[in-house]
Amino acid sequence: MPVCFECGGKLVYDRETKTYSCEGCGSTYNSQDLLVEREKRFNRKFEEEKKKRRHQEYLEWWLSSKS
């Protein structure tokens, strides 16, 4: 079940308009909006993990050079 990107509320599909509406805040999304937002969130999470990994590798290198 998709969730609203604004408030985290439950999205309900409307067959007539072919959009998803949030029960909480009333925001509406089409299928393309949902796909784009999911991709953005996935890429953001991937980049954060990459940055953490790079930072950890640097710390390991720095600490090993101090020994």
N, C-alpha and C. Protein backbone atom coordinates (compact mmCIF):
# COMPACT_ATOMS: atom_id res chain seq x y z
N MET A 1 0.84 -1.18 0.00
CA MET A 1 0.00 0.00 0.00
C MET A 1 0.89 1.24 0.00
N PRO A 2 0.73 2.11 -0.98
CA PRO A 2 1.54 3.34 -1.03
C PRO A 2 1.16 4.30 0.09
N VAL A 3 2.13 5.09 0.49
CA VAL A 3 1.91 6.10 1.53
C VAL A 3 2.20 7.49 0.97
N CYS A 4 1.58 8.46 1.58
CA CYS A 4 1.73 9.87 1.16
C CYS A 4 3.15 10.34 1.46
N PHE A 5 3.73 11.08 0.53
CA PHE A 5 5.08 11.60 0.71
C PHE A 5 5.09 12.84 1.60
N GLU A 6 3.95 13.48 1.76
CA GLU A 6 3.86 14.68 2.58
C GLU A 6 3.63 14.35 4.05
N CYS A 7 2.63 13.50 4.34
CA CYS A 7 2.27 13.27 5.74
C CYS A 7 2.42 11.81 6.18
N GLY A 8 2.68 10.90 5.24
CA GLY A 8 2.80 9.50 5.58
C GLY A 8 1.48 8.77 5.69
N GLY A 9 0.40 9.44 5.32
CA GLY A 9 -0.93 8.83 5.38
C GLY A 9 -1.16 7.80 4.29
N LYS A 10 -2.25 7.08 4.42
CA LYS A 10 -2.62 6.03 3.47
C LYS A 10 -3.15 6.64 2.17
N LEU A 11 -2.68 6.13 1.03
CA LEU A 11 -3.16 6.59 -0.26
C LEU A 11 -4.24 5.64 -0.77
N VAL A 12 -5.30 6.22 -1.30
CA VAL A 12 -6.42 5.45 -1.84
C VAL A 12 -6.51 5.74 -3.33
N TYR A 13 -6.66 4.68 -4.13
CA TYR A 13 -6.72 4.82 -5.59
C TYR A 13 -8.14 5.16 -6.03
N ASP A 14 -8.27 6.17 -6.88
CA ASP A 14 -9.57 6.57 -7.45
C ASP A 14 -9.58 6.14 -8.91
N ARG A 15 -10.43 5.19 -9.26
CA ARG A 15 -10.47 4.64 -10.61
C ARG A 15 -10.93 5.65 -11.65
N GLU A 16 -11.81 6.55 -11.27
CA GLU A 16 -12.34 7.53 -12.23
C GLU A 16 -11.26 8.50 -12.70
N THR A 17 -10.49 9.04 -11.76
CA THR A 17 -9.46 10.01 -12.11
C THR A 17 -8.10 9.38 -12.31
N LYS A 18 -7.97 8.08 -11.97
CA LYS A 18 -6.72 7.34 -12.08
C LYS A 18 -5.59 8.00 -11.30
N THR A 19 -5.94 8.43 -10.08
CA THR A 19 -4.96 9.05 -9.20
C THR A 19 -5.07 8.45 -7.81
N TYR A 20 -4.04 8.68 -7.02
CA TYR A 20 -4.04 8.28 -5.62
C TYR A 20 -4.27 9.52 -4.78
N SER A 21 -5.14 9.42 -3.78
CA SER A 21 -5.43 10.54 -2.89
C SER A 21 -5.09 10.14 -1.46
N CYS A 22 -4.51 11.07 -0.73
CA CYS A 22 -4.16 10.83 0.66
C CYS A 22 -5.39 11.03 1.54
N GLU A 23 -5.62 10.07 2.44
CA GLU A 23 -6.74 10.21 3.36
C GLU A 23 -6.46 11.26 4.42
N GLY A 24 -5.19 11.52 4.70
CA GLY A 24 -4.82 12.46 5.76
C GLY A 24 -4.83 13.92 5.32
N CYS A 25 -4.01 14.24 4.31
CA CYS A 25 -3.84 15.64 3.92
C CYS A 25 -4.53 16.01 2.61
N GLY A 26 -4.99 15.01 1.83
CA GLY A 26 -5.70 15.29 0.59
C GLY A 26 -4.81 15.45 -0.63
N SER A 27 -3.52 15.25 -0.50
CA SER A 27 -2.62 15.34 -1.66
C SER A 27 -2.99 14.27 -2.67
N THR A 28 -2.77 14.59 -3.94
CA THR A 28 -3.06 13.61 -4.99
C THR A 28 -1.80 13.33 -5.81
N TYR A 29 -1.67 12.08 -6.24
CA TYR A 29 -0.52 11.65 -7.02
C TYR A 29 -1.01 10.73 -8.13
N ASN A 30 -0.32 10.79 -9.27
CA ASN A 30 -0.60 9.80 -10.31
C ASN A 30 0.49 8.73 -10.22
N SER A 31 0.35 7.70 -11.02
CA SER A 31 1.30 6.58 -10.96
C SER A 31 2.72 7.03 -11.25
N GLN A 32 2.88 7.95 -12.20
CA GLN A 32 4.21 8.46 -12.55
C GLN A 32 4.85 9.18 -11.38
N ASP A 33 4.06 9.98 -10.65
CA ASP A 33 4.58 10.68 -9.47
C ASP A 33 5.11 9.70 -8.44
N LEU A 34 4.38 8.61 -8.22
CA LEU A 34 4.79 7.61 -7.25
C LEU A 34 6.09 6.94 -7.67
N LEU A 35 6.21 6.60 -8.96
CA LEU A 35 7.43 5.96 -9.45
C LEU A 35 8.64 6.87 -9.32
N VAL A 36 8.47 8.13 -9.68
CA VAL A 36 9.58 9.09 -9.61
C VAL A 36 10.02 9.29 -8.17
N GLU A 37 9.07 9.44 -7.26
CA GLU A 37 9.41 9.65 -5.85
C GLU A 37 10.10 8.44 -5.26
N ARG A 38 9.63 7.24 -5.60
CA ARG A 38 10.29 6.03 -5.10
C ARG A 38 11.73 5.96 -5.60
N GLU A 39 11.94 6.31 -6.86
CA GLU A 39 13.29 6.27 -7.42
C GLU A 39 14.19 7.29 -6.72
N LYS A 40 13.66 8.49 -6.46
CA LYS A 40 14.43 9.51 -5.77
C LYS A 40 14.83 9.04 -4.38
N ARG A 41 13.87 8.44 -3.66
CA ARG A 41 14.16 7.96 -2.31
C ARG A 41 15.18 6.83 -2.32
N PHE A 42 15.07 5.92 -3.30
CA PHE A 42 16.03 4.84 -3.41
C PHE A 42 17.42 5.39 -3.68
N ASN A 43 17.53 6.31 -4.63
CA ASN A 43 18.83 6.90 -4.96
C ASN A 43 19.41 7.67 -3.78
N ARG A 44 18.57 8.38 -3.06
CA ARG A 44 19.03 9.13 -1.89
C ARG A 44 19.57 8.18 -0.83
N LYS A 45 18.85 7.08 -0.59
CA LYS A 45 19.30 6.10 0.39
C LYS A 45 20.61 5.46 -0.05
N PHE A 46 20.72 5.14 -1.34
CA PHE A 46 21.94 4.54 -1.88
C PHE A 46 23.11 5.49 -1.71
N GLU A 47 22.92 6.76 -2.00
CA GLU A 47 23.99 7.76 -1.86
C GLU A 47 24.40 7.93 -0.40
N GLU A 48 23.43 7.91 0.52
CA GLU A 48 23.76 8.02 1.94
C GLU A 48 24.60 6.84 2.39
N GLU A 49 24.23 5.64 1.97
CA GLU A 49 25.00 4.45 2.33
C GLU A 49 26.40 4.51 1.74
N LYS A 50 26.51 5.00 0.52
CA LYS A 50 27.81 5.13 -0.14
C LYS A 50 28.69 6.13 0.63
N LYS A 51 28.09 7.23 1.05
CA LYS A 51 28.82 8.25 1.80
C LYS A 51 29.29 7.71 3.15
N LYS A 52 28.42 6.96 3.85
CA LYS A 52 28.80 6.36 5.13
C LYS A 52 29.94 5.36 4.95
N ARG A 53 29.85 4.55 3.90
CA ARG A 53 30.88 3.55 3.64
C ARG A 53 32.22 4.24 3.36
N ARG A 54 32.20 5.29 2.55
CA ARG A 54 33.41 6.03 2.23
C ARG A 54 34.01 6.67 3.48
N HIS A 55 33.16 7.20 4.34
CA HIS A 55 33.61 7.80 5.58
C HIS A 55 34.26 6.73 6.49
N GLN A 56 33.60 5.58 6.58
CA GLN A 56 34.14 4.50 7.41
C GLN A 56 35.49 4.02 6.88
N GLU A 57 35.62 3.89 5.57
CA GLU A 57 36.89 3.48 4.97
C GLU A 57 37.98 4.50 5.26
N TYR A 58 37.63 5.78 5.18
CA TYR A 58 38.61 6.83 5.48
C TYR A 58 39.06 6.74 6.94
N LEU A 59 38.09 6.57 7.85
CA LEU A 59 38.45 6.47 9.27
C LEU A 59 39.36 5.28 9.53
N GLU A 60 39.07 4.15 8.92
CA GLU A 60 39.93 2.98 9.08
C GLU A 60 41.33 3.26 8.57
N TRP A 61 41.42 3.91 7.42
CA TRP A 61 42.73 4.25 6.85
C TRP A 61 43.48 5.21 7.78
N TRP A 62 42.79 6.23 8.25
CA TRP A 62 43.41 7.24 9.08
C TRP A 62 43.91 6.63 10.39
N LEU A 63 43.08 5.78 11.00
CA LEU A 63 43.49 5.15 12.26
C LEU A 63 44.64 4.18 12.05
N SER A 64 44.67 3.48 10.93
CA SER A 64 45.77 2.54 10.68
C SER A 64 47.07 3.28 10.42
N SER A 65 47.03 4.48 9.87
CA SER A 65 48.25 5.24 9.61
C SER A 65 48.82 5.85 10.89
N LYS A 66 48.03 5.95 11.94
CA LYS A 66 48.47 6.50 13.22
C LYS A 66 49.19 5.46 14.06
N SER A 67 49.05 4.20 13.72
CA SER A 67 49.66 3.13 14.52
C SER A 67 51.13 2.98 14.24
